[in-house]
All heavy atoms as atom14 arrays in JSON, in Angstrom:
{
  "sequence": "LVAAAGVVAMAFPGRPEPWLPLLLRRAAAMFAWAAVSVYSLGLFAVLD",
  "atom14_mask": [
    [1, 1, 1, 1, 1, 1, 1, 1, 0, 0, 0, 0, 0, 0],
    [1, 1, 1, 1, 1, 1, 1, 0, 0, 0, 0, 0, 0, 0],
    [1, 1, 1, 1, 1, 0, 0, 0, 0, 0, 0, 0, 0, 0],
    [1, 1, 1, 1, 1, 0, 0, 0, 0, 0, 0, 0, 0, 0],
    [1, 1, 1, 1, 1, 0, 0, 0, 0, 0, 0, 0, 0, 0],
    [1, 1, 1, 1, 0, 0, 0, 0, 0, 0, 0, 0, 0, 0],
    [1, 1, 1, 1, 1, 1, 1, 0, 0, 0, 0, 0, 0, 0],
    [1, 1, 1, 1, 1, 1, 1, 0, 0, 0, 0, 0, 0, 0],
    [1, 1, 1, 1, 1, 0, 0, 0, 0, 0, 0, 0, 0, 0],
    [1, 1, 1, 1, 1, 1, 1, 1, 0, 0, 0, 0, 0, 0],
    [1, 1, 1, 1, 1, 0, 0, 0, 0, 0, 0, 0, 0, 0],
    [1, 1, 1, 1, 1, 1, 1, 1, 1, 1, 1, 0, 0, 0],
    [1, 1, 1, 1, 1, 1, 1, 0, 0, 0, 0, 0, 0, 0],
    [1, 1, 1, 1, 0, 0, 0, 0, 0, 0, 0, 0, 0, 0],
    [1, 1, 1, 1, 1, 1, 1, 1, 1, 1, 1, 0, 0, 0],
    [1, 1, 1, 1, 1, 1, 1, 0, 0, 0, 0, 0, 0, 0],
    [1, 1, 1, 1, 1, 1, 1, 1, 1, 0, 0, 0, 0, 0],
    [1, 1, 1, 1, 1, 1, 1, 0, 0, 0, 0, 0, 0, 0],
    [1, 1, 1, 1, 1, 1, 1, 1, 1, 1, 1, 1, 1, 1],
    [1, 1, 1, 1, 1, 1, 1, 1, 0, 0, 0, 0, 0, 0],
    [1, 1, 1, 1, 1, 1, 1, 0, 0, 0, 0, 0, 0, 0],
    [1, 1, 1, 1, 1, 1, 1, 1, 0, 0, 0, 0, 0, 0],
    [1, 1, 1, 1, 1, 1, 1, 1, 0, 0, 0, 0, 0, 0],
    [1, 1, 1, 1, 1, 1, 1, 1, 0, 0, 0, 0, 0, 0],
    [1, 1, 1, 1, 1, 1, 1, 1, 1, 1, 1, 0, 0, 0],
    [1, 1, 1, 1, 1, 1, 1, 1, 1, 1, 1, 0, 0, 0],
    [1, 1, 1, 1, 1, 0, 0, 0, 0, 0, 0, 0, 0, 0],
    [1, 1, 1, 1, 1, 0, 0, 0, 0, 0, 0, 0, 0, 0],
    [1, 1, 1, 1, 1, 0, 0, 0, 0, 0, 0, 0, 0, 0],
    [1, 1, 1, 1, 1, 1, 1, 1, 0, 0, 0, 0, 0, 0],
    [1, 1, 1, 1, 1, 1, 1, 1, 1, 1, 1, 0, 0, 0],
    [1, 1, 1, 1, 1, 0, 0, 0, 0, 0, 0, 0, 0, 0],
    [1, 1, 1, 1, 1, 1, 1, 1, 1, 1, 1, 1, 1, 1],
    [1, 1, 1, 1, 1, 0, 0, 0, 0, 0, 0, 0, 0, 0],
    [1, 1, 1, 1, 1, 0, 0, 0, 0, 0, 0, 0, 0, 0],
    [1, 1, 1, 1, 1, 1, 1, 0, 0, 0, 0, 0, 0, 0],
    [1, 1, 1, 1, 1, 1, 0, 0, 0, 0, 0, 0, 0, 0],
    [1, 1, 1, 1, 1, 1, 1, 0, 0, 0, 0, 0, 0, 0],
    [1, 1, 1, 1, 1, 1, 1, 1, 1, 1, 1, 1, 0, 0],
    [1, 1, 1, 1, 1, 1, 0, 0, 0, 0, 0, 0, 0, 0],
    [1, 1, 1, 1, 1, 1, 1, 1, 0, 0, 0, 0, 0, 0],
    [1, 1, 1, 1, 0, 0, 0, 0, 0, 0, 0, 0, 0, 0],
    [1, 1, 1, 1, 1, 1, 1, 1, 0, 0, 0, 0, 0, 0],
    [1, 1, 1, 1, 1, 1, 1, 1, 1, 1, 1, 0, 0, 0],
    [1, 1, 1, 1, 1, 0, 0, 0, 0, 0, 0, 0, 0, 0],
    [1, 1, 1, 1, 1, 1, 1, 0, 0, 0, 0, 0, 0, 0],
    [1, 1, 1, 1, 1, 1, 1, 1, 0, 0, 0, 0, 0, 0],
    [1, 1, 1, 1, 1, 1, 1, 1, 0, 0, 0, 0, 0, 0]
  ],
  "atom14_positions": [
    [[35.07, 24.51, 51.51], [34.07, 24.64, 50.42], [34.64, 25.2, 49.13], [34.35, 24.72, 48.04], [32.91, 25.47, 50.89], [31.95, 24.96, 51.89], [30.91, 25.9, 52.38], [31.29, 23.7, 51.37], [0.0, 0.0, 0.0], [0.0, 0.0, 0.0], [0.0, 0.0, 0.0], [0.0, 0.0, 0.0], [0.0, 0.0, 0.0], [0.0, 0.0, 0.0]],
    [[35.57, 26.13, 49.26], [36.28, 26.61, 48.08], [37.1, 25.58, 47.5], [37.11, 25.43, 46.21], [37.11, 27.86, 48.48], [38.07, 28.29, 47.36], [36.23, 29.05, 48.83], [0.0, 0.0, 0.0], [0.0, 0.0, 0.0], [0.0, 0.0, 0.0], [0.0, 0.0, 0.0], [0.0, 0.0, 0.0], [0.0, 0.0, 0.0], [0.0, 0.0, 0.0]],
    [[37.83, 24.8, 48.29], [38.6, 23.72, 47.76], [37.81, 22.63, 47.1], [38.07, 22.05, 46.08], [39.46, 23.09, 48.9], [0.0, 0.0, 0.0], [0.0, 0.0, 0.0], [0.0, 0.0, 0.0], [0.0, 0.0, 0.0], [0.0, 0.0, 0.0], [0.0, 0.0, 0.0], [0.0, 0.0, 0.0], [0.0, 0.0, 0.0], [0.0, 0.0, 0.0]],
    [[36.56, 22.37, 47.69], [35.65, 21.44, 47.1], [35.09, 21.87, 45.78], [34.98, 21.04, 44.82], [34.48, 21.18, 48.06], [0.0, 0.0, 0.0], [0.0, 0.0, 0.0], [0.0, 0.0, 0.0], [0.0, 0.0, 0.0], [0.0, 0.0, 0.0], [0.0, 0.0, 0.0], [0.0, 0.0, 0.0], [0.0, 0.0, 0.0], [0.0, 0.0, 0.0]],
    [[34.95, 23.22, 45.61], [34.53, 23.72, 44.37], [35.62, 23.54, 43.32], [35.33, 23.24, 42.15], [34.22, 25.19, 44.5], [0.0, 0.0, 0.0], [0.0, 0.0, 0.0], [0.0, 0.0, 0.0], [0.0, 0.0, 0.0], [0.0, 0.0, 0.0], [0.0, 0.0, 0.0], [0.0, 0.0, 0.0], [0.0, 0.0, 0.0], [0.0, 0.0, 0.0]],
    [[36.88, 23.63, 43.81], [37.99, 23.35, 42.91], [38.1, 21.88, 42.41], [38.42, 21.56, 41.31], [0.0, 0.0, 0.0], [0.0, 0.0, 0.0], [0.0, 0.0, 0.0], [0.0, 0.0, 0.0], [0.0, 0.0, 0.0], [0.0, 0.0, 0.0], [0.0, 0.0, 0.0], [0.0, 0.0, 0.0], [0.0, 0.0, 0.0], [0.0, 0.0, 0.0]],
    [[37.68, 21.01, 43.35], [37.7, 19.55, 42.99], [36.54, 19.3, 42.03], [36.74, 18.65, 40.96], [37.41, 18.74, 44.32], [37.15, 17.27, 43.93], [38.69, 18.87, 45.18], [0.0, 0.0, 0.0], [0.0, 0.0, 0.0], [0.0, 0.0, 0.0], [0.0, 0.0, 0.0], [0.0, 0.0, 0.0], [0.0, 0.0, 0.0], [0.0, 0.0, 0.0]],
    [[35.37, 19.89, 42.16], [34.25, 19.7, 41.29], [34.56, 20.29, 39.94], [34.2, 19.83, 38.84], [32.95, 20.31, 41.85], [31.84, 20.38, 40.86], [32.55, 19.54, 43.12], [0.0, 0.0, 0.0], [0.0, 0.0, 0.0], [0.0, 0.0, 0.0], [0.0, 0.0, 0.0], [0.0, 0.0, 0.0], [0.0, 0.0, 0.0], [0.0, 0.0, 0.0]],
    [[35.31, 21.41, 39.9], [35.62, 22.07, 38.64], [36.53, 21.19, 37.73], [36.54, 21.41, 36.54], [36.41, 23.43, 38.93], [0.0, 0.0, 0.0], [0.0, 0.0, 0.0], [0.0, 0.0, 0.0], [0.0, 0.0, 0.0], [0.0, 0.0, 0.0], [0.0, 0.0, 0.0], [0.0, 0.0, 0.0], [0.0, 0.0, 0.0], [0.0, 0.0, 0.0]],
    [[37.21, 20.28, 38.36], [37.98, 19.38, 37.52], [37.16, 18.4, 36.68], [37.73, 17.8, 35.81], [39.01, 18.51, 38.47], [40.0, 19.34, 39.19], [41.12, 20.26, 38.12], [42.01, 18.93, 37.43], [0.0, 0.0, 0.0], [0.0, 0.0, 0.0], [0.0, 0.0, 0.0], [0.0, 0.0, 0.0], [0.0, 0.0, 0.0], [0.0, 0.0, 0.0]],
    [[35.88, 18.25, 36.95], [35.03, 17.43, 36.18], [34.53, 18.05, 34.83], [34.07, 17.36, 33.99], [33.79, 17.0, 36.94], [0.0, 0.0, 0.0], [0.0, 0.0, 0.0], [0.0, 0.0, 0.0], [0.0, 0.0, 0.0], [0.0, 0.0, 0.0], [0.0, 0.0, 0.0], [0.0, 0.0, 0.0], [0.0, 0.0, 0.0], [0.0, 0.0, 0.0]],
    [[34.71, 19.39, 34.76], [34.25, 20.11, 33.61], [35.23, 20.12, 32.47], [36.49, 19.97, 32.76], [33.82, 21.52, 34.0], [32.68, 21.59, 34.94], [32.86, 22.14, 36.23], [31.44, 21.1, 34.59], [31.78, 22.2, 37.07], [30.38, 21.17, 35.47], [30.54, 21.71, 36.68], [0.0, 0.0, 0.0], [0.0, 0.0, 0.0], [0.0, 0.0, 0.0]],
    [[34.84, 20.24, 31.26], [35.8, 20.35, 30.14], [36.67, 21.55, 30.3], [36.36, 22.54, 30.95], [34.93, 20.43, 28.94], [33.5, 20.11, 29.35], [33.44, 20.29, 30.81], [0.0, 0.0, 0.0], [0.0, 0.0, 0.0], [0.0, 0.0, 0.0], [0.0, 0.0, 0.0], [0.0, 0.0, 0.0], [0.0, 0.0, 0.0], [0.0, 0.0, 0.0]],
    [[37.9, 21.4, 29.73], [38.84, 22.58, 29.81], [39.68, 22.6, 31.02], [40.34, 23.51, 31.36], [0.0, 0.0, 0.0], [0.0, 0.0, 0.0], [0.0, 0.0, 0.0], [0.0, 0.0, 0.0], [0.0, 0.0, 0.0], [0.0, 0.0, 0.0], [0.0, 0.0, 0.0], [0.0, 0.0, 0.0], [0.0, 0.0, 0.0], [0.0, 0.0, 0.0]],
    [[39.69, 21.44, 31.72], [40.52, 21.38, 32.94], [42.01, 21.38, 32.56], [42.38, 20.9, 31.46], [40.17, 20.11, 33.78], [40.47, 18.82, 33.05], [40.13, 17.6, 33.9], [40.16, 16.4, 33.14], [39.15, 15.67, 32.79], [37.95, 16.01, 33.16], [39.3, 14.6, 32.08], [0.0, 0.0, 0.0], [0.0, 0.0, 0.0], [0.0, 0.0, 0.0]],
    [[42.84, 21.88, 33.45], [44.32, 21.92, 33.17], [44.89, 20.52, 33.09], [44.48, 19.69, 33.76], [44.81, 22.81, 34.31], [43.8, 22.75, 35.33], [42.49, 22.46, 34.74], [0.0, 0.0, 0.0], [0.0, 0.0, 0.0], [0.0, 0.0, 0.0], [0.0, 0.0, 0.0], [0.0, 0.0, 0.0], [0.0, 0.0, 0.0], [0.0, 0.0, 0.0]],
    [[45.95, 20.41, 32.31], [46.69, 19.23, 32.26], [48.02, 19.37, 32.93], [48.59, 20.43, 32.95], [46.99, 18.79, 30.81], [45.68, 18.4, 30.0], [45.14, 17.05, 30.54], [45.83, 16.23, 31.08], [43.93, 16.93, 30.35], [0.0, 0.0, 0.0], [0.0, 0.0, 0.0], [0.0, 0.0, 0.0], [0.0, 0.0, 0.0], [0.0, 0.0, 0.0]],
    [[48.58, 18.41, 33.65], [48.06, 17.15, 33.99], [46.99, 17.28, 35.03], [47.24, 17.91, 36.1], [49.25, 16.34, 34.44], [50.21, 17.38, 34.96], [49.96, 18.66, 34.14], [0.0, 0.0, 0.0], [0.0, 0.0, 0.0], [0.0, 0.0, 0.0], [0.0, 0.0, 0.0], [0.0, 0.0, 0.0], [0.0, 0.0, 0.0], [0.0, 0.0, 0.0]],
    [[45.86, 16.68, 34.85], [44.74, 16.94, 35.78], [44.76, 16.04, 37.05], [44.27, 16.5, 38.04], [43.42, 16.69, 35.07], [43.19, 15.29, 34.6], [43.56, 14.74, 33.35], [42.57, 14.28, 35.33], [43.24, 13.43, 33.37], [42.61, 13.09, 34.48], [41.97, 14.18, 36.54], [42.1, 11.92, 34.94], [41.42, 12.99, 36.98], [41.47, 11.81, 36.2]],
    [[45.33, 14.93, 36.97], [45.31, 13.97, 38.15], [46.07, 14.57, 39.34], [45.49, 14.65, 40.47], [45.82, 12.62, 37.84], [45.78, 11.62, 38.98], [44.33, 11.38, 39.47], [46.4, 10.29, 38.53], [0.0, 0.0, 0.0], [0.0, 0.0, 0.0], [0.0, 0.0, 0.0], [0.0, 0.0, 0.0], [0.0, 0.0, 0.0], [0.0, 0.0, 0.0]],
    [[47.29, 15.1, 39.16], [47.96, 15.59, 40.4], [47.27, 16.87, 40.97], [47.2, 17.05, 42.13], [49.37, 15.95, 39.88], [49.58, 15.15, 38.65], [48.23, 14.98, 38.08], [0.0, 0.0, 0.0], [0.0, 0.0, 0.0], [0.0, 0.0, 0.0], [0.0, 0.0, 0.0], [0.0, 0.0, 0.0], [0.0, 0.0, 0.0], [0.0, 0.0, 0.0]],
    [[46.75, 17.67, 40.05], [46.02, 18.89, 40.43], [44.75, 18.46, 41.19], [44.46, 19.06, 42.27], [45.7, 19.71, 39.21], [45.05, 21.03, 39.53], [45.93, 21.89, 40.43], [44.73, 21.76, 38.21], [0.0, 0.0, 0.0], [0.0, 0.0, 0.0], [0.0, 0.0, 0.0], [0.0, 0.0, 0.0], [0.0, 0.0, 0.0], [0.0, 0.0, 0.0]],
    [[44.05, 17.48, 40.72], [42.86, 16.97, 41.4], [43.21, 16.53, 42.83], [42.53, 16.83, 43.79], [42.18, 15.98, 40.6], [40.93, 15.24, 41.24], [39.84, 16.21, 41.44], [40.53, 14.07, 40.45], [0.0, 0.0, 0.0], [0.0, 0.0, 0.0], [0.0, 0.0, 0.0], [0.0, 0.0, 0.0], [0.0, 0.0, 0.0], [0.0, 0.0, 0.0]],
    [[44.27, 15.74, 42.86], [44.73, 15.16, 44.13], [45.12, 16.25, 45.14], [44.77, 16.22, 46.32], [45.8, 14.23, 43.97], [45.39, 12.88, 43.27], [46.64, 11.96, 42.94], [44.36, 12.13, 44.09], [0.0, 0.0, 0.0], [0.0, 0.0, 0.0], [0.0, 0.0, 0.0], [0.0, 0.0, 0.0], [0.0, 0.0, 0.0], [0.0, 0.0, 0.0]],
    [[45.79, 17.26, 44.68], [46.22, 18.42, 45.53], [44.99, 19.16, 46.03], [44.96, 19.6, 47.18], [47.22, 19.34, 44.81], [48.64, 18.77, 44.82], [49.65, 19.82, 44.44], [49.47, 20.3, 43.02], [50.07, 19.66, 41.98], [50.81, 18.58, 42.14], [49.85, 20.17, 40.75], [0.0, 0.0, 0.0], [0.0, 0.0, 0.0], [0.0, 0.0, 0.0]],
    [[44.04, 19.44, 45.12], [42.81, 20.19, 45.57], [42.05, 19.39, 46.63], [41.51, 19.96, 47.51], [42.0, 20.5, 44.31], [42.59, 21.57, 43.42], [41.69, 21.89, 42.25], [42.31, 22.92, 41.4], [41.66, 23.44, 40.4], [40.51, 23.01, 40.0], [42.28, 24.37, 39.66], [0.0, 0.0, 0.0], [0.0, 0.0, 0.0], [0.0, 0.0, 0.0]],
    [[41.94, 18.07, 46.36], [41.18, 17.21, 47.31], [41.97, 17.22, 48.62], [41.3, 17.24, 49.71], [41.0, 15.81, 46.73], [0.0, 0.0, 0.0], [0.0, 0.0, 0.0], [0.0, 0.0, 0.0], [0.0, 0.0, 0.0], [0.0, 0.0, 0.0], [0.0, 0.0, 0.0], [0.0, 0.0, 0.0], [0.0, 0.0, 0.0], [0.0, 0.0, 0.0]],
    [[43.25, 17.18, 48.65], [44.06, 17.2, 49.87], [43.83, 18.48, 50.56], [43.63, 18.45, 51.83], [45.55, 17.02, 49.54], [0.0, 0.0, 0.0], [0.0, 0.0, 0.0], [0.0, 0.0, 0.0], [0.0, 0.0, 0.0], [0.0, 0.0, 0.0], [0.0, 0.0, 0.0], [0.0, 0.0, 0.0], [0.0, 0.0, 0.0], [0.0, 0.0, 0.0]],
    [[43.81, 19.59, 49.87], [43.55, 20.9, 50.49], [42.16, 20.94, 51.13], [41.97, 21.51, 52.23], [43.68, 22.02, 49.47], [0.0, 0.0, 0.0], [0.0, 0.0, 0.0], [0.0, 0.0, 0.0], [0.0, 0.0, 0.0], [0.0, 0.0, 0.0], [0.0, 0.0, 0.0], [0.0, 0.0, 0.0], [0.0, 0.0, 0.0], [0.0, 0.0, 0.0]],
    [[41.13, 20.4, 50.47], [39.77, 20.35, 50.91], [39.74, 19.56, 52.3], [39.22, 20.01, 53.27], [38.87, 19.71, 49.96], [37.42, 19.52, 50.39], [36.4, 18.57, 49.3], [37.16, 17.0, 49.4], [0.0, 0.0, 0.0], [0.0, 0.0, 0.0], [0.0, 0.0, 0.0], [0.0, 0.0, 0.0], [0.0, 0.0, 0.0], [0.0, 0.0, 0.0]],
    [[40.36, 18.39, 52.25], [40.36, 17.6, 53.51], [41.18, 18.3, 54.67], [40.8, 18.19, 55.82], [40.88, 16.21, 53.31], [39.77, 15.28, 52.69], [39.86, 14.92, 51.37], [38.76, 14.82, 53.47], [38.89, 14.06, 50.85], [37.73, 14.03, 52.91], [37.77, 13.67, 51.58], [0.0, 0.0, 0.0], [0.0, 0.0, 0.0], [0.0, 0.0, 0.0]],
    [[42.24, 18.95, 54.24], [43.05, 19.61, 55.26], [42.22, 20.79, 55.96], [42.24, 20.93, 57.18], [44.34, 20.16, 54.71], [0.0, 0.0, 0.0], [0.0, 0.0, 0.0], [0.0, 0.0, 0.0], [0.0, 0.0, 0.0], [0.0, 0.0, 0.0], [0.0, 0.0, 0.0], [0.0, 0.0, 0.0], [0.0, 0.0, 0.0], [0.0, 0.0, 0.0]],
    [[41.52, 21.56, 55.15], [40.76, 22.61, 55.68], [39.62, 22.04, 56.5], [39.22, 22.62, 57.56], [40.14, 23.44, 54.56], [41.03, 24.46, 54.0], [41.61, 24.46, 52.72], [41.5, 25.71, 54.59], [42.45, 25.57, 52.56], [42.38, 26.32, 53.64], [41.36, 26.25, 55.83], [42.99, 27.54, 53.98], [41.98, 27.42, 56.12], [42.84, 28.05, 55.22]],
    [[39.0, 20.95, 56.11], [37.95, 20.37, 56.95], [38.46, 19.85, 58.19], [37.84, 20.0, 59.25], [37.35, 19.21, 56.09], [0.0, 0.0, 0.0], [0.0, 0.0, 0.0], [0.0, 0.0, 0.0], [0.0, 0.0, 0.0], [0.0, 0.0, 0.0], [0.0, 0.0, 0.0], [0.0, 0.0, 0.0], [0.0, 0.0, 0.0], [0.0, 0.0, 0.0]],
    [[39.64, 19.24, 58.24], [40.23, 18.79, 59.49], [40.47, 19.91, 60.49], [40.18, 19.81, 61.66], [41.54, 18.04, 59.18], [0.0, 0.0, 0.0], [0.0, 0.0, 0.0], [0.0, 0.0, 0.0], [0.0, 0.0, 0.0], [0.0, 0.0, 0.0], [0.0, 0.0, 0.0], [0.0, 0.0, 0.0], [0.0, 0.0, 0.0], [0.0, 0.0, 0.0]],
    [[41.03, 20.99, 59.92], [41.28, 22.2, 60.82], [40.0, 22.73, 61.32], [39.94, 23.17, 62.44], [42.17, 23.15, 60.08], [42.28, 24.49, 60.83], [43.5, 22.62, 59.73], [0.0, 0.0, 0.0], [0.0, 0.0, 0.0], [0.0, 0.0, 0.0], [0.0, 0.0, 0.0], [0.0, 0.0, 0.0], [0.0, 0.0, 0.0], [0.0, 0.0, 0.0]],
    [[38.96, 22.77, 60.49], [37.66, 23.31, 60.89], [37.07, 22.59, 62.03], [36.69, 23.11, 63.02], [36.7, 23.31, 59.72], [35.45, 23.78, 60.07], [0.0, 0.0, 0.0], [0.0, 0.0, 0.0], [0.0, 0.0, 0.0], [0.0, 0.0, 0.0], [0.0, 0.0, 0.0], [0.0, 0.0, 0.0], [0.0, 0.0, 0.0], [0.0, 0.0, 0.0]],
    [[37.0, 21.22, 61.88], [36.43, 20.39, 62.91], [37.26, 20.41, 64.22], [36.72, 20.6, 65.31], [36.29, 18.93, 62.45], [35.78, 18.01, 63.59], [35.25, 18.89, 61.34], [0.0, 0.0, 0.0], [0.0, 0.0, 0.0], [0.0, 0.0, 0.0], [0.0, 0.0, 0.0], [0.0, 0.0, 0.0], [0.0, 0.0, 0.0], [0.0, 0.0, 0.0]],
    [[38.62, 20.34, 64.07], [39.49, 20.33, 65.25], [39.42, 21.64, 65.95], [39.38, 21.67, 67.24], [40.96, 20.03, 64.82], [41.85, 20.01, 66.05], [41.86, 18.86, 66.86], [42.61, 21.07, 66.44], [42.63, 18.81, 68.04], [43.4, 21.04, 67.56], [43.4, 19.9, 68.32], [44.14, 19.82, 69.47], [0.0, 0.0, 0.0], [0.0, 0.0, 0.0]],
    [[39.38, 22.82, 65.26], [39.3, 24.06, 65.92], [37.98, 24.25, 66.66], [37.93, 24.88, 67.78], [39.57, 25.27, 64.95], [38.45, 25.31, 64.13], [0.0, 0.0, 0.0], [0.0, 0.0, 0.0], [0.0, 0.0, 0.0], [0.0, 0.0, 0.0], [0.0, 0.0, 0.0], [0.0, 0.0, 0.0], [0.0, 0.0, 0.0], [0.0, 0.0, 0.0]],
    [[36.92, 23.68, 66.18], [35.64, 23.73, 66.85], [35.72, 23.04, 68.17], [35.29, 23.56, 69.24], [34.59, 23.09, 65.92], [33.11, 23.21, 66.41], [32.66, 24.72, 66.37], [32.19, 22.42, 65.49], [0.0, 0.0, 0.0], [0.0, 0.0, 0.0], [0.0, 0.0, 0.0], [0.0, 0.0, 0.0], [0.0, 0.0, 0.0], [0.0, 0.0, 0.0]],
    [[36.31, 21.86, 68.19], [36.47, 21.06, 69.41], [37.49, 21.74, 70.37], [37.31, 21.72, 71.56], [0.0, 0.0, 0.0], [0.0, 0.0, 0.0], [0.0, 0.0, 0.0], [0.0, 0.0, 0.0], [0.0, 0.0, 0.0], [0.0, 0.0, 0.0], [0.0, 0.0, 0.0], [0.0, 0.0, 0.0], [0.0, 0.0, 0.0], [0.0, 0.0, 0.0]],
    [[38.58, 22.18, 69.81], [39.66, 22.81, 70.61], [39.1, 23.99, 71.4], [39.34, 24.12, 72.58], [40.81, 23.3, 69.77], [41.89, 24.1, 70.48], [42.63, 23.21, 71.36], [42.78, 24.74, 69.44], [0.0, 0.0, 0.0], [0.0, 0.0, 0.0], [0.0, 0.0, 0.0], [0.0, 0.0, 0.0], [0.0, 0.0, 0.0], [0.0, 0.0, 0.0]],
    [[38.32, 24.85, 70.73], [37.8, 26.04, 71.42], [36.66, 25.64, 72.39], [36.42, 26.38, 73.35], [37.29, 27.12, 70.44], [38.51, 27.94, 69.94], [39.17, 27.58, 68.81], [39.02, 28.98, 70.71], [40.25, 28.31, 68.31], [40.12, 29.67, 70.28], [40.73, 29.38, 69.09], [0.0, 0.0, 0.0], [0.0, 0.0, 0.0], [0.0, 0.0, 0.0]],
    [[35.94, 24.53, 72.16], [34.98, 24.06, 73.18], [35.72, 23.57, 74.45], [35.22, 23.86, 75.55], [34.19, 22.82, 72.57], [0.0, 0.0, 0.0], [0.0, 0.0, 0.0], [0.0, 0.0, 0.0], [0.0, 0.0, 0.0], [0.0, 0.0, 0.0], [0.0, 0.0, 0.0], [0.0, 0.0, 0.0], [0.0, 0.0, 0.0], [0.0, 0.0, 0.0]],
    [[36.81, 22.84, 74.31], [37.59, 22.49, 75.47], [38.18, 23.74, 76.15], [38.14, 23.81, 77.45], [38.71, 21.47, 75.08], [39.73, 21.27, 76.29], [38.18, 20.2, 74.58], [0.0, 0.0, 0.0], [0.0, 0.0, 0.0], [0.0, 0.0, 0.0], [0.0, 0.0, 0.0], [0.0, 0.0, 0.0], [0.0, 0.0, 0.0], [0.0, 0.0, 0.0]],
    [[38.75, 24.66, 75.41], [39.25, 25.91, 76.03], [38.2, 26.69, 76.76], [38.44, 27.19, 77.8], [39.9, 26.75, 74.9], [41.24, 26.35, 74.37], [41.66, 27.22, 73.18], [42.29, 26.41, 75.45], [0.0, 0.0, 0.0], [0.0, 0.0, 0.0], [0.0, 0.0, 0.0], [0.0, 0.0, 0.0], [0.0, 0.0, 0.0], [0.0, 0.0, 0.0]],
    [[36.96, 26.72, 76.18], [35.92, 27.46, 76.78], [35.55, 26.84, 78.14], [35.29, 27.48, 79.16], [34.65, 27.49, 75.9], [33.55, 28.27, 76.4], [33.83, 29.46, 76.86], [32.43, 27.82, 76.53], [0.0, 0.0, 0.0], [0.0, 0.0, 0.0], [0.0, 0.0, 0.0], [0.0, 0.0, 0.0], [0.0, 0.0, 0.0], [0.0, 0.0, 0.0]]
  ]
}
């Protein structure tokens, strides 16, 4: 969610330049956190 807020912040004026690589990195972080979140939920269900 924090990374998603960073992605949304890139839509507002005053964003840092170059904005495209920064946007892609923030979106990559968001998806990475989401992947770990979902996988850990399933991993601990199997472990349980």
